[in-house]
Protein backbone atom coordinates (compact mmCIF):
# COMPACT_ATOMS: atom_id res chain seq x y z
CA MET A 1 161.25 254.69 133.25
CA ASP A 2 163.93 252.58 135.06
CA ALA A 3 163.30 250.15 137.92
CA ASP A 4 165.15 248.50 140.81
CA VAL A 5 163.91 244.96 139.99
CA VAL A 6 162.59 243.36 136.85
CA PHE A 7 160.70 239.99 137.12
CA VAL A 8 161.20 238.19 133.59
CA HIS A 9 159.09 235.39 132.53
CA PRO A 10 160.36 233.18 129.80
CA PRO A 11 158.72 231.00 127.69
CA SER A 12 159.12 227.12 127.62
CA ILE A 13 161.12 226.88 124.56
CA TYR A 14 162.90 230.19 123.66
CA ASP A 15 162.50 229.94 120.04
CA PHE A 16 159.31 228.13 119.80
CA ARG A 17 158.38 231.05 116.98
CA LYS A 18 161.05 229.82 114.76
CA ARG A 19 160.94 226.12 115.18
CA ASP A 20 158.25 223.66 113.63
CA ILE A 21 156.76 222.54 117.25
CA ASP A 22 153.87 220.06 117.64
CA PRO A 23 153.43 220.34 121.44
CA GLY A 24 150.24 218.31 121.49
CA PRO A 25 148.38 218.08 124.54
CA ILE A 26 150.98 218.95 127.30
CA SER A 27 148.77 221.98 128.23
CA ASP A 28 145.14 221.15 127.24
CA VAL A 29 143.93 221.44 131.03
CA VAL A 30 145.92 224.58 132.28
CA PRO A 31 145.27 228.48 131.73
CA SER A 32 148.44 228.73 129.37
CA THR A 33 149.01 227.95 126.15
CA PRO A 34 151.99 225.25 125.34
CA VAL A 35 154.57 227.92 125.92
CA PHE A 36 153.69 227.84 129.19
CA GLU A 37 153.51 231.72 129.64
CA MET A 38 151.58 231.80 132.87
CA TYR A 39 154.15 233.35 135.51
CA PRO A 40 154.27 232.14 139.33
CA VAL A 41 152.02 233.97 141.25
CA GLY A 42 154.85 234.67 143.51
CA PHE A 43 155.90 237.47 141.04
CA ILE A 44 152.79 239.36 142.10
CA SER A 45 153.35 239.12 145.82
CA MET A 46 157.14 239.93 145.50
CA LEU A 47 156.03 242.98 143.21
CA ASN A 48 153.77 244.12 146.08
CA PHE A 49 156.57 243.83 148.83
CA LEU A 50 159.18 245.62 146.78
CA VAL A 51 156.69 248.64 146.03
CA GLN A 52 155.66 248.52 149.57
CA ASN A 53 159.08 248.89 150.75
CA GLY A 54 160.18 251.74 148.54
CA PHE A 55 161.52 250.06 145.40
CA ASN A 56 160.50 250.24 141.84
CA ALA A 57 159.85 247.02 140.28
CA ARG A 58 157.90 245.53 137.64
CA ILE A 59 157.08 242.36 135.33
CA ALA A 60 158.01 241.52 131.87
CA ASN A 61 156.29 238.67 130.80
CA VAL A 62 158.28 237.84 127.88
CA ALA A 63 156.37 234.91 126.94
CA VAL A 64 152.92 236.82 126.55
CA ARG A 65 154.65 239.05 124.30
CA MET A 66 156.11 236.69 122.35
CA VAL A 67 152.81 234.74 121.91
CA GLU A 68 150.96 237.72 121.13
CA SER A 69 153.29 238.59 118.44
CA LYS A 70 155.58 236.83 116.01
CA LYS A 71 157.10 240.49 115.32
CA PHE A 72 157.97 240.91 118.84
CA ASN A 73 161.44 241.75 119.20
CA VAL A 74 162.86 240.25 122.43
CA GLU A 75 166.33 241.60 122.27
CA LYS A 76 164.91 245.24 121.63
CA TYR A 77 162.25 245.08 124.34
CA LEU A 78 164.79 244.09 127.12
CA SER A 79 167.23 246.82 125.81
CA GLU A 80 164.61 249.36 126.71
CA ILE A 81 164.38 248.09 130.45
CA GLU A 82 167.07 249.40 132.71
CA ALA A 83 167.31 247.92 136.01
CA PRO A 84 170.06 246.66 138.60
CA ILE A 85 168.60 243.36 138.97
CA PHE A 86 166.43 241.06 136.52
CA GLY A 87 165.02 238.24 138.14
CA ILE A 88 164.09 234.90 135.96
CA ASP A 89 161.74 232.55 137.04
CA LEU A 90 162.95 228.85 136.70
CA HIS A 91 160.04 227.15 138.70
CA TRP A 92 158.98 224.25 136.88
CA LEU A 93 161.25 222.46 134.36
CA PRO A 94 159.56 223.09 131.44
CA HIS A 95 161.05 226.36 131.36
CA ALA A 96 164.45 225.39 131.38
CA HIS A 97 165.46 226.31 127.73
CA GLY A 98 163.55 229.71 127.62
CA ALA A 99 165.09 230.81 131.23
CA LEU A 100 168.50 230.05 130.09
CA ASN A 101 168.33 231.91 126.85
CA LEU A 102 166.64 234.71 128.36
CA ALA A 103 169.47 235.02 130.98
CA ARG A 104 172.06 234.92 128.37
CA ILE A 105 170.67 237.33 126.37
CA ILE A 106 169.99 239.74 129.48
CA LYS A 107 173.76 239.43 130.29
CA ASN A 108 174.84 240.31 126.93
CA ILE A 109 172.50 243.52 127.02
CA HIS A 110 173.02 244.30 130.41
CA PRO A 111 176.70 242.96 131.74
CA GLU A 112 176.46 245.51 134.30
CA SER A 113 173.09 243.97 135.80
CA TYR A 114 172.60 241.06 137.99
CA VAL A 115 170.65 238.14 136.76
CA VAL A 116 169.04 235.95 139.51
CA PHE A 117 166.84 232.68 139.45
CA GLY A 118 164.44 231.58 141.66
CA GLY A 119 161.90 228.89 142.11
CA TYR A 120 161.18 225.27 142.76
CA SER A 121 163.33 223.86 140.17
CA SER A 122 166.20 227.05 140.57
CA THR A 123 166.50 225.71 144.32
CA TYR A 124 166.79 222.11 143.45
CA PHE A 125 169.66 222.84 140.77
CA ARG A 126 170.95 225.83 142.33
CA TYR A 127 174.42 224.42 142.47
CA GLU A 128 174.32 223.22 138.78
CA LEU A 129 173.30 226.60 137.95
CA MET A 130 175.65 228.53 139.88
CA LYS A 131 178.62 226.15 138.78
CA ASN A 132 178.07 225.64 134.90
CA TYR A 133 176.30 228.91 133.58
CA ASP A 134 178.13 232.16 134.41
CA PHE A 135 175.56 234.39 132.84
CA ILE A 136 173.67 233.69 136.45
CA ASP A 137 174.95 235.73 139.03
CA PHE A 138 172.68 234.45 141.94
CA VAL A 139 170.17 231.90 142.85
CA LEU A 140 167.39 233.06 145.79
CA ALA A 141 167.02 229.57 147.16
CA GLY A 142 163.71 228.44 148.89
CA ASP A 143 160.10 229.69 149.15
CA PHE A 144 158.81 233.03 150.51
CA GLN A 145 161.37 235.10 148.70
CA GLU A 146 159.30 238.12 149.01
CA TYR A 147 161.92 239.52 151.85
CA GLY A 148 164.90 237.84 149.84
CA ILE A 149 164.64 239.80 147.07
CA TYR A 150 164.02 242.79 149.24
CA LYS A 151 167.18 242.21 150.86
CA LEU A 152 169.14 241.68 147.70
CA ALA A 153 168.01 244.83 146.32
CA GLU A 154 168.88 246.94 149.42
CA ALA A 155 172.12 244.88 149.53
CA LEU A 156 173.21 246.13 146.14
CA GLU A 157 171.57 249.51 146.33
CA GLU A 158 173.90 250.14 149.47
CA GLY A 159 176.79 248.50 148.45
CA ALA A 160 176.62 246.06 151.31
CA SER A 161 177.58 242.36 152.02
CA TYR A 162 175.46 239.69 150.65
CA SER A 163 175.38 237.95 154.08
CA GLU A 164 172.11 239.43 155.16
CA VAL A 165 170.20 238.24 151.99
CA PRO A 166 168.54 234.98 153.25
CA GLY A 167 168.57 232.01 150.79
CA LEU A 168 170.93 233.41 148.38
CA VAL A 169 173.53 231.39 146.47
CA TYR A 170 176.40 233.26 145.20
CA ARG A 171 180.17 232.84 143.86
CA GLU A 172 182.69 234.44 146.62
CA ASN A 173 186.67 233.98 145.51
CA GLY A 174 185.75 231.07 143.01
CA ARG A 175 183.75 229.27 145.79
CA ILE A 176 179.93 228.87 145.81
CA LYS A 177 178.32 230.19 148.94
CA GLU A 178 174.69 229.65 150.24
CA ASN A 179 173.09 231.73 152.92
CA GLN A 180 170.89 230.40 155.52
CA ARG A 181 167.21 230.35 154.49
CA TYR A 182 164.60 232.90 155.87
CA ASP A 183 161.97 231.77 158.56
CA PHE A 184 159.20 230.58 156.44
CA ARG A 185 156.80 231.25 159.35
CA LYS A 186 157.75 235.06 159.13
CA GLY A 187 158.11 234.87 155.06
CA LEU A 188 154.35 233.77 155.17
CA ASP A 189 153.35 236.96 156.55
CA ASN A 190 155.12 238.61 153.49
CA VAL A 191 152.95 237.19 151.03
CA PHE A 192 150.28 239.43 149.50
CA LEU A 193 148.80 239.11 146.02
CA ASN A 194 147.93 242.39 145.33
CA TYR A 195 146.29 243.06 141.94
CA GLU A 196 145.83 246.87 142.50
CA VAL A 197 149.84 247.07 142.45
CA LEU A 198 149.88 244.66 139.51
CA LEU A 199 147.36 246.90 137.42
CA LYS A 200 148.92 250.16 138.51
CA ASN A 201 152.41 248.99 137.31
CA ALA A 202 151.03 248.04 134.25
CA ILE A 203 150.05 251.62 133.69
CA LYS A 204 153.22 253.17 135.16
CA TYR A 205 155.66 251.29 132.82
CA HIS A 206 153.05 251.62 129.66
CA ASP A 207 153.22 247.82 129.59
CA VAL A 208 150.11 246.11 130.06
CA LYS A 209 150.99 242.81 128.06
CA GLY A 210 154.33 242.52 129.76
CA HIS A 211 152.16 242.33 133.17
CA LEU A 212 149.78 239.99 132.13
CA PRO A 213 149.29 236.59 134.00
CA TYR A 214 149.04 234.79 130.84
CA ALA A 215 147.94 235.51 127.47
CA ASP A 216 144.04 235.18 127.71
CA TRP A 217 144.07 237.16 131.12
CA LEU A 218 142.22 240.27 129.42
CA ARG A 219 139.85 238.13 127.76
CA ASN A 220 138.42 236.66 131.00
CA PRO A 221 140.28 237.86 133.95
CA GLU A 222 140.81 235.77 137.07
CA GLY A 223 141.66 236.26 140.60
CA PHE A 224 144.04 233.70 142.62
CA THR A 225 145.01 233.39 146.00
CA MET A 226 146.24 230.58 148.00
CA ILE A 227 145.27 229.01 151.50
CA GLU A 228 149.18 227.58 152.52
CA ARG A 229 152.59 227.00 151.39
CA GLY A 230 153.77 223.66 150.75
CA CYS A 231 151.49 220.94 151.39
CA GLN A 232 150.17 218.21 154.00
CA LEU A 233 149.83 215.26 151.75
CA ASN A 234 152.38 213.60 149.49
CA CYS A 235 151.41 213.20 145.98
CA GLY A 236 154.03 211.12 144.21
CA PHE A 237 154.08 213.45 141.30
CA CYS A 238 154.17 216.70 143.16
CA GLY A 239 157.39 218.79 143.54
CA GLY A 240 155.15 220.96 146.22
CA SER A 241 154.60 217.73 148.13
CA ASN A 242 155.14 217.45 151.85
CA PHE A 243 158.16 215.33 151.18
CA ALA A 244 159.62 217.90 148.58
CA TYR A 245 158.80 220.56 150.60
CA LYS A 246 160.80 219.30 153.84
CA SER A 247 163.63 217.67 151.57
CA ASN A 248 164.18 220.90 149.26
CA PHE A 249 162.88 223.98 151.62
CA ALA A 250 163.84 222.77 155.22
CA MET A 251 160.11 223.61 156.25
CA ASN A 252 156.75 221.89 156.67
CA TYR A 253 153.60 223.26 155.30
CA GLN A 254 151.95 226.25 156.88
CA PHE A 255 148.14 227.90 156.31
CA ARG A 256 148.06 231.34 155.61
CA ASP A 257 145.84 233.75 157.74
CA PRO A 258 142.36 233.23 156.60
CA CYS A 259 141.51 237.09 156.78
CA ARG A 260 144.38 237.89 154.68
CA ILE A 261 142.80 235.47 152.32
CA ALA A 262 139.49 237.07 152.57
CA GLU A 263 141.35 240.30 152.12
CA GLU A 264 142.78 239.44 148.73
CA ILE A 265 139.48 238.05 147.26
CA GLU A 266 137.94 241.27 148.45
CA MET A 267 140.50 243.14 146.28
CA SER A 268 139.99 241.02 143.49
CA GLN A 269 136.39 241.82 143.77
CA ASP A 270 136.71 245.62 144.01
CA ILE A 271 139.63 245.92 141.47
CA LEU A 272 138.90 243.17 138.99
CA GLY A 273 135.19 242.24 139.81
CA SER A 274 136.41 238.73 138.52
CA PRO A 275 136.23 235.27 139.84
CA VAL A 276 138.81 233.93 142.24
CA PHE A 277 140.39 230.55 142.30
CA ILE A 278 141.46 229.43 146.08
CA ALA A 279 144.30 227.10 145.74
CA GLY A 280 144.69 224.62 148.59
CA ASP A 281 142.04 222.57 150.03
CA ILE A 282 139.77 224.51 152.25
CA ALA A 283 137.99 221.39 153.80
CA LEU A 284 141.37 219.68 154.64
CA ALA A 285 142.77 222.53 156.98
CA GLY A 286 139.70 221.49 159.51
CA PRO A 287 136.67 223.47 160.80
CA HIS A 288 138.48 225.68 163.01
CA TYR A 289 140.09 227.27 159.82
CA TYR A 290 137.61 227.34 157.24
CA GLU A 291 134.94 228.69 159.62
CA ARG A 292 137.11 231.69 160.50
CA LEU A 293 137.86 231.91 156.73
CA PHE A 294 133.91 232.21 156.09
CA LYS A 295 133.48 234.50 158.66
CA CYS A 296 136.13 237.02 157.27
CA LEU A 297 134.39 236.24 153.70
CA ASN A 298 130.94 237.44 155.26
CA GLU A 299 132.32 240.16 156.83
CA ARG A 300 133.58 241.80 153.57
CA ARG A 301 130.56 240.93 151.64
CA ILE A 302 131.87 238.48 148.91
CA ASP A 303 129.67 237.97 146.20
CA ILE A 304 131.96 237.09 143.18
CA PRO A 305 132.22 233.22 141.92
CA LEU A 306 134.82 231.16 143.86
CA LEU A 307 136.48 228.14 142.72
CA THR A 308 137.85 225.67 145.11
CA GLU A 309 139.93 222.85 145.10
CA TYR A 310 140.31 219.81 147.05
CA PHE A 311 142.54 217.22 147.61
CA LYS A 312 140.10 214.66 149.31
CA PRO A 313 136.69 213.97 149.92
CA PHE A 314 134.98 216.53 152.21
CA ASN A 315 132.01 216.11 154.17
CA GLU A 316 128.86 217.48 154.60
CA ASP A 317 129.37 220.20 157.34
CA TYR A 318 131.80 221.64 155.52
CA VAL A 319 129.98 221.99 152.07
CA LYS A 320 126.97 223.27 154.11
CA SER A 321 129.04 226.12 155.48
CA LEU A 322 130.61 227.17 152.53
CA SER A 323 127.30 227.20 150.57
CA LYS A 324 125.82 229.52 153.43
CA THR A 325 128.83 232.09 152.76
CA VAL A 326 129.42 231.56 149.05
CA GLU A 327 126.51 231.93 146.62
CA ASP A 328 128.30 231.16 143.67
CA PHE A 329 130.88 228.34 143.82
CA SER A 330 132.56 225.66 141.78
CA MET A 331 134.78 222.76 142.83
CA GLU A 332 137.38 220.59 141.76
CA ILE A 333 139.05 217.25 142.49
CA SER A 334 142.08 215.26 141.10
CA PRO A 335 141.37 211.26 141.66
CA GLU A 336 143.90 210.77 139.15
CA THR A 337 142.41 207.33 138.27
CA TYR A 338 139.41 205.24 139.07
CA ASP A 339 141.58 202.57 140.22
CA GLU A 340 141.74 202.91 144.17
CA ASN A 341 144.86 200.98 144.03
CA VAL A 342 146.66 202.48 141.58
CA ARG A 343 145.51 205.64 143.31
CA SER A 344 147.09 205.09 146.77
CA TRP A 345 150.31 204.30 145.04
CA ASN A 346 150.42 207.89 143.56
CA LYS A 347 148.59 210.18 146.25
CA SER A 348 146.75 209.95 149.36
CA GLY A 349 144.38 207.45 148.57
CA TYR A 350 140.67 207.59 149.33
CA SER A 351 137.64 205.59 147.90
CA ASN A 352 135.52 206.36 144.76
CA LYS A 353 132.56 205.80 147.18
CA ASP A 354 133.72 208.57 149.29
CA MET A 355 134.55 210.86 146.13
CA GLU A 356 131.10 210.15 144.62
CA ARG A 357 129.43 211.16 147.96
CA SER A 358 131.35 214.58 147.69
CA PHE A 359 129.69 214.86 144.24
CA SER A 360 126.21 214.24 145.57
CA LEU A 361 126.81 216.99 148.47
CA ALA A 362 128.36 219.60 146.27
CA GLU A 363 125.02 219.11 143.86
CA LYS A 364 123.06 219.16 147.15
CA TYR A 365 124.33 222.60 148.24
CA GLY A 366 124.31 224.30 145.09
CA SER A 367 127.92 223.94 143.49
CA LYS A 368 127.90 225.57 139.86
CA LYS A 369 130.22 223.11 138.61
CA PHE A 370 132.41 220.41 139.33
CA ASP A 371 135.76 219.54 137.36
CA VAL A 372 137.42 216.10 137.90
CA TYR A 373 140.60 215.42 136.43
CA PHE A 374 142.41 212.43 135.84
CA SER A 375 145.92 211.31 134.58
CA ILE A 376 147.99 209.20 132.38
CA GLY A 377 151.41 208.01 132.97
CA LEU A 378 150.92 206.92 136.75
CA SER A 379 152.75 204.25 138.82
CA HIS A 380 151.51 201.16 138.38
CA GLN A 381 149.06 202.20 135.84
CA ASN A 382 148.64 200.39 132.35
CA LYS A 383 146.73 201.09 129.22
CA LYS A 384 143.91 199.06 130.28
CA ASN A 385 143.71 201.30 133.33
CA VAL A 386 143.74 204.55 131.23
CA MET A 387 140.57 203.40 129.31
CA ASP A 388 138.66 201.95 132.21
CA THR A 389 139.26 205.44 133.74
CA VAL A 390 137.81 207.03 130.75
CA GLU A 391 134.78 205.02 131.04
CA TYR A 392 134.41 205.70 134.78
CA ALA A 393 134.77 209.46 134.10
CA GLY A 394 131.83 209.09 131.63
CA ASN A 395 129.80 207.39 133.94
CA ILE A 396 130.29 210.30 136.16
CA MET A 397 129.00 212.72 134.02
CA LYS A 398 126.00 210.83 132.64
CA GLY A 399 124.99 210.52 136.25
CA TYR A 400 124.82 214.77 136.25
CA MET A 401 123.03 215.17 132.66
CA ARG A 402 120.25 216.31 134.12
CA SER A 403 121.38 218.06 137.27
CA SER A 404 121.91 221.81 138.07
CA MET A 405 125.48 221.16 138.67
CA ARG A 406 127.78 220.82 135.45
CA MET A 407 129.69 218.10 136.15
CA SER A 408 132.99 217.86 133.81
CA THR A 409 136.10 215.23 133.75
CA PHE A 410 139.19 215.57 131.97
CA ILE A 411 142.16 213.32 131.42
CA SER A 412 145.61 214.46 130.23
CA PRO A 413 149.14 212.81 130.32
CA ILE A 414 151.56 214.16 133.11
CA ALA A 415 153.97 215.83 131.02
CA PRO A 416 156.54 216.83 129.76
CA PHE A 417 158.60 216.41 133.22
CA VAL A 418 158.50 214.90 136.53
CA ASP A 419 158.77 217.43 138.96
CA PRO A 420 162.22 217.30 140.57
CA GLY A 421 162.39 216.77 144.32
CA SER A 422 159.10 214.76 143.92
CA LEU A 423 158.65 211.16 145.41
CA TRP A 424 158.75 209.93 141.63
CA TYR A 425 162.06 211.95 140.92
CA GLU A 426 163.82 210.87 144.26
CA LYS A 427 162.71 207.45 144.23
CA PRO A 428 162.28 206.30 140.90
CA ASP A 429 163.02 202.52 141.62
CA LEU A 430 160.45 202.52 144.09
CA TYR A 431 157.54 203.86 141.88
CA GLY A 432 158.87 202.14 139.03
CA PHE A 433 160.23 205.01 137.01
CA LYS A 434 162.89 205.70 134.25
CA ILE A 435 163.36 209.50 134.14
CA TYR A 436 165.96 210.96 131.36
CA GLY A 437 166.12 214.77 132.80
CA ARG A 438 168.37 214.22 135.63
CA SER A 439 169.98 217.80 135.37
CA VAL A 440 169.24 221.24 133.95
CA SER A 441 171.62 220.57 131.12
CA ASP A 442 169.33 217.18 130.12
CA VAL A 443 165.93 219.16 130.18
CA TYR A 444 167.52 221.75 128.04
CA ARG A 445 169.06 219.71 125.51
CA ILE A 446 165.50 217.55 125.45
CA LEU A 447 163.71 220.97 124.85
CA ASP A 448 166.33 222.12 122.29
CA LEU A 449 166.39 219.35 120.09
CA GLY A 450 162.78 217.86 120.43
CA ARG A 451 160.03 218.82 117.92
CA THR A 452 156.74 216.78 119.43
CA TRP A 453 155.39 216.32 123.03
CA TYR A 454 156.75 212.60 122.37
CA ASP A 455 160.41 214.01 122.22
CA PHE A 456 159.98 216.09 125.57
CA LEU A 457 158.44 213.40 127.54
CA ASP A 458 161.43 212.59 129.79
CA TYR A 459 160.36 209.42 131.41
CA GLU A 460 158.23 205.94 131.36
CA THR A 461 157.42 203.51 133.77
CA ASN A 462 157.47 199.69 134.36
CA TRP A 463 153.90 199.50 133.07
CA MET A 464 154.10 201.84 130.04
CA THR A 465 156.68 202.74 127.85
CA LYS A 466 156.96 206.44 126.21
CA ASP A 467 154.96 204.94 123.26
CA ASP A 468 152.09 203.51 125.76
CA ILE A 469 151.75 206.78 127.15
CA VAL A 470 151.31 208.75 123.99
CA ASN A 471 148.94 206.41 122.23
CA SER A 472 147.14 205.64 125.48
CA THR A 473 146.66 209.61 125.49
CA TYR A 474 145.34 209.89 122.03
CA ASP A 475 143.15 206.95 122.48
CA ALA A 476 141.81 208.26 125.65
CA GLU A 477 141.16 211.73 124.09
CA ILE A 478 139.36 210.25 121.58
CA ARG A 479 137.15 208.40 123.42
CA MET A 480 136.64 211.28 126.17
CA THR A 481 135.82 213.54 123.38
CA GLN A 482 132.64 210.77 122.16
CA LEU A 483 131.39 210.98 125.95
CA ARG A 484 131.67 214.69 126.32
CA TYR A 485 129.39 214.71 123.48
CA GLU A 486 127.33 212.17 124.72
CA VAL A 487 126.50 214.29 127.76
CA GLY A 488 126.23 217.41 125.85
CA GLU A 489 129.36 219.09 126.78
CA ILE A 490 130.38 219.92 123.50
CA THR A 491 128.35 220.03 119.90
CA GLU A 492 128.39 217.58 116.98
CA GLU A 493 130.77 219.87 115.54
CA ALA A 494 133.21 220.02 117.87
CA ARG A 495 133.18 216.56 118.84
CA ASP A 496 134.26 215.92 114.97
CA THR A 497 137.02 218.64 114.79
CA ILE A 498 138.70 217.32 118.12
CA ILE A 499 139.02 213.84 116.92
CA ARG A 500 140.00 215.06 113.65
CA ASN A 501 142.58 217.02 115.39
CA VAL A 502 143.79 213.89 117.39
CA MET A 503 144.14 211.81 114.80
CA ASN A 504 145.72 214.04 112.26
CA TYR A 505 148.33 214.86 115.08
CA ARG A 506 148.51 211.19 115.44
CA GLU A 507 149.46 210.57 112.18
CA GLY A 508 151.69 213.62 111.69
CA ASN A 509 149.19 215.36 109.63
CA ASN A 510 148.10 218.93 109.85
CA TYR A 511 145.81 219.75 112.53
CA CYS A 512 143.46 222.62 113.58
CA ARG A 513 145.77 225.54 115.52
CA ASN A 514 146.29 229.28 115.11
CA ASP A 515 149.68 231.49 114.92
CA ARG A 516 149.26 232.09 119.05
CA MET A 517 149.42 228.11 119.73
CA ASP A 518 146.51 228.24 121.85
CA LYS A 519 144.42 225.75 120.18
CA HIS A 520 144.22 223.10 122.25
CA LEU A 521 144.55 219.42 120.93
CA ALA A 522 141.70 217.96 122.51
CA TYR A 523 139.74 220.66 124.43
CA MET A 524 138.62 223.46 122.06
CA SER A 525 137.86 225.96 124.52
CA LYS A 526 139.39 226.85 127.86
CA ASP A 527 137.84 224.30 130.16
CA ILE A 528 139.40 226.34 133.22
CA GLU A 529 136.79 229.05 132.29
CA TRP A 530 134.85 228.08 134.79
CA SER A 531 132.70 231.45 135.23
CA HIS A 532 132.18 234.41 133.14
CA ARG A 533 130.19 236.21 136.12
CA HIS A 534 132.01 239.51 136.71
CA LYS A 535 131.11 242.43 138.63
CA PRO A 536 131.17 245.63 136.67
CA THR A 537 134.50 247.67 138.11
CA LEU A 538 136.31 250.67 136.93
CA THR A 539 138.99 248.60 136.64
CA SER A 540 137.00 245.88 134.38
CA LEU A 541 135.66 249.00 132.00
CA LEU A 542 139.26 249.99 131.45
CA ILE A 543 140.06 246.28 130.49
CA LEU A 544 137.26 245.80 128.26
CA LEU A 545 138.24 249.08 126.40
CA TYR A 546 141.71 248.35 125.97
CA ARG A 547 140.65 244.83 125.21
CA SER A 548 138.64 246.58 122.22
CA TYR A 549 141.61 248.98 121.27
CA ASP A 550 144.21 246.11 121.34
CA SER A 551 141.93 243.99 118.96
CA VAL A 552 141.51 246.93 116.56
CA ILE A 553 145.06 247.90 116.44
CA GLY A 554 146.00 243.97 116.03
CA GLY A 555 143.51 243.60 113.19
CA MET A 556 145.05 246.90 111.54
CA SER A 557 148.62 245.46 112.03
CA ILE A 558 147.45 241.95 110.25
CA ARG A 559 145.86 243.86 107.34
CA ASN A 560 148.99 246.05 106.84
């Protein structure tokens, strides 16, 4: 069945199935594998907007299909899809290699179709992409491109001028032109994460795996919503920070309608019966905002688990209100380091005392879980700071060993690339960084020639060389694993396996991994799976049946 628009998600490295790549710990604490097969959530919203406005659209998660099967033929799959527009996300830099290779393949297979790039990195490098890669026809620059992709589809269908397509970067008479961006306040109203449309499309196009958000989604489905676009804070490493948004998207942060968010959560409850992750700091949005959100959630009788994230410590009034609204909730925060001075160099600072008070309040009001994330490779961070941070993380976990709230801490490198547009990227001298990937072609070359995560790491700091970052990561993961065992987070067998994995990897020896590349180096299970409590729905039953069927067929395929 033909489509008007196909959203194609690439793997990080296109030929990862053929190359001997040791990706290391670069995806240990995210849902996807080292292939980074999780597509941007904007795919779902753009899909919904197109379908609502009369266009046929689908998602083709090529990365998931490649992760699922070594025999999957990318060229054959894409040749069976007919569409005038193929949209490829180059959202984060790790996808530069996969995105450019897929674009070239699509253009060879479908020379009359248009290849469109979009996402943060595409926006930042839009002129380089249009100048150096003739198989890319357009870049849709900016955020909130639900309306932009709709107007492009409309213009191509009607043979109209491109001038009415907001944010479009294109070639005309040998020159690169760029249209004015869409008013982000209007664009915000077009955002809707509709999982019903996603699942209907998977059936409509007989391509369940091609629509999956990431490879393991069927095993433990999770919904997603977000309270804002842009951010009010300026974390130095973030390409979505307030500084980055103002510089690259000509906009400030904007909160979404709280009742719209409640509607998305209700849809996840009714369709998936799954837990939902709410991206964005609800407490930081202020009492007026979160009280309205909680009111809308109460009206819709939401009773699925919710995971909430925080950019700063919260107060008692907030968590008390949350607990009255949501019975099953978990929390997470990313202080990055135990050192308050180093923290203030890398993000909006706060004290450990205030953060620890938030932990106590979360426990008091019934949070099921609290995840705390630390990082390696920060500005002003040295090797000693990394190991002191690990010990601090261990003390946090030990303080909640007998608590009803599960306290988990994690540490991982900020890898492999510094976000373009971030403060680190734009002001490397101020923050003490040396960055090697300063263009799309630089990043492509790093990914094309590299074999290990050391090769992919594109920066070092005044305080830590690449070797320091790598070795500190191994040391930290070994010690963190020991601490996780001490507090009962993992078994003795898991501890020994993980440490053996890390040490073998460090020495260049074989380590435990499987054919799908989803054995994480340090964390043996997906720690993002914060809840397995699902409500039974018709869709969840169908997912269970499909998963069972797929398991049987997959087993037969392996035996044959």
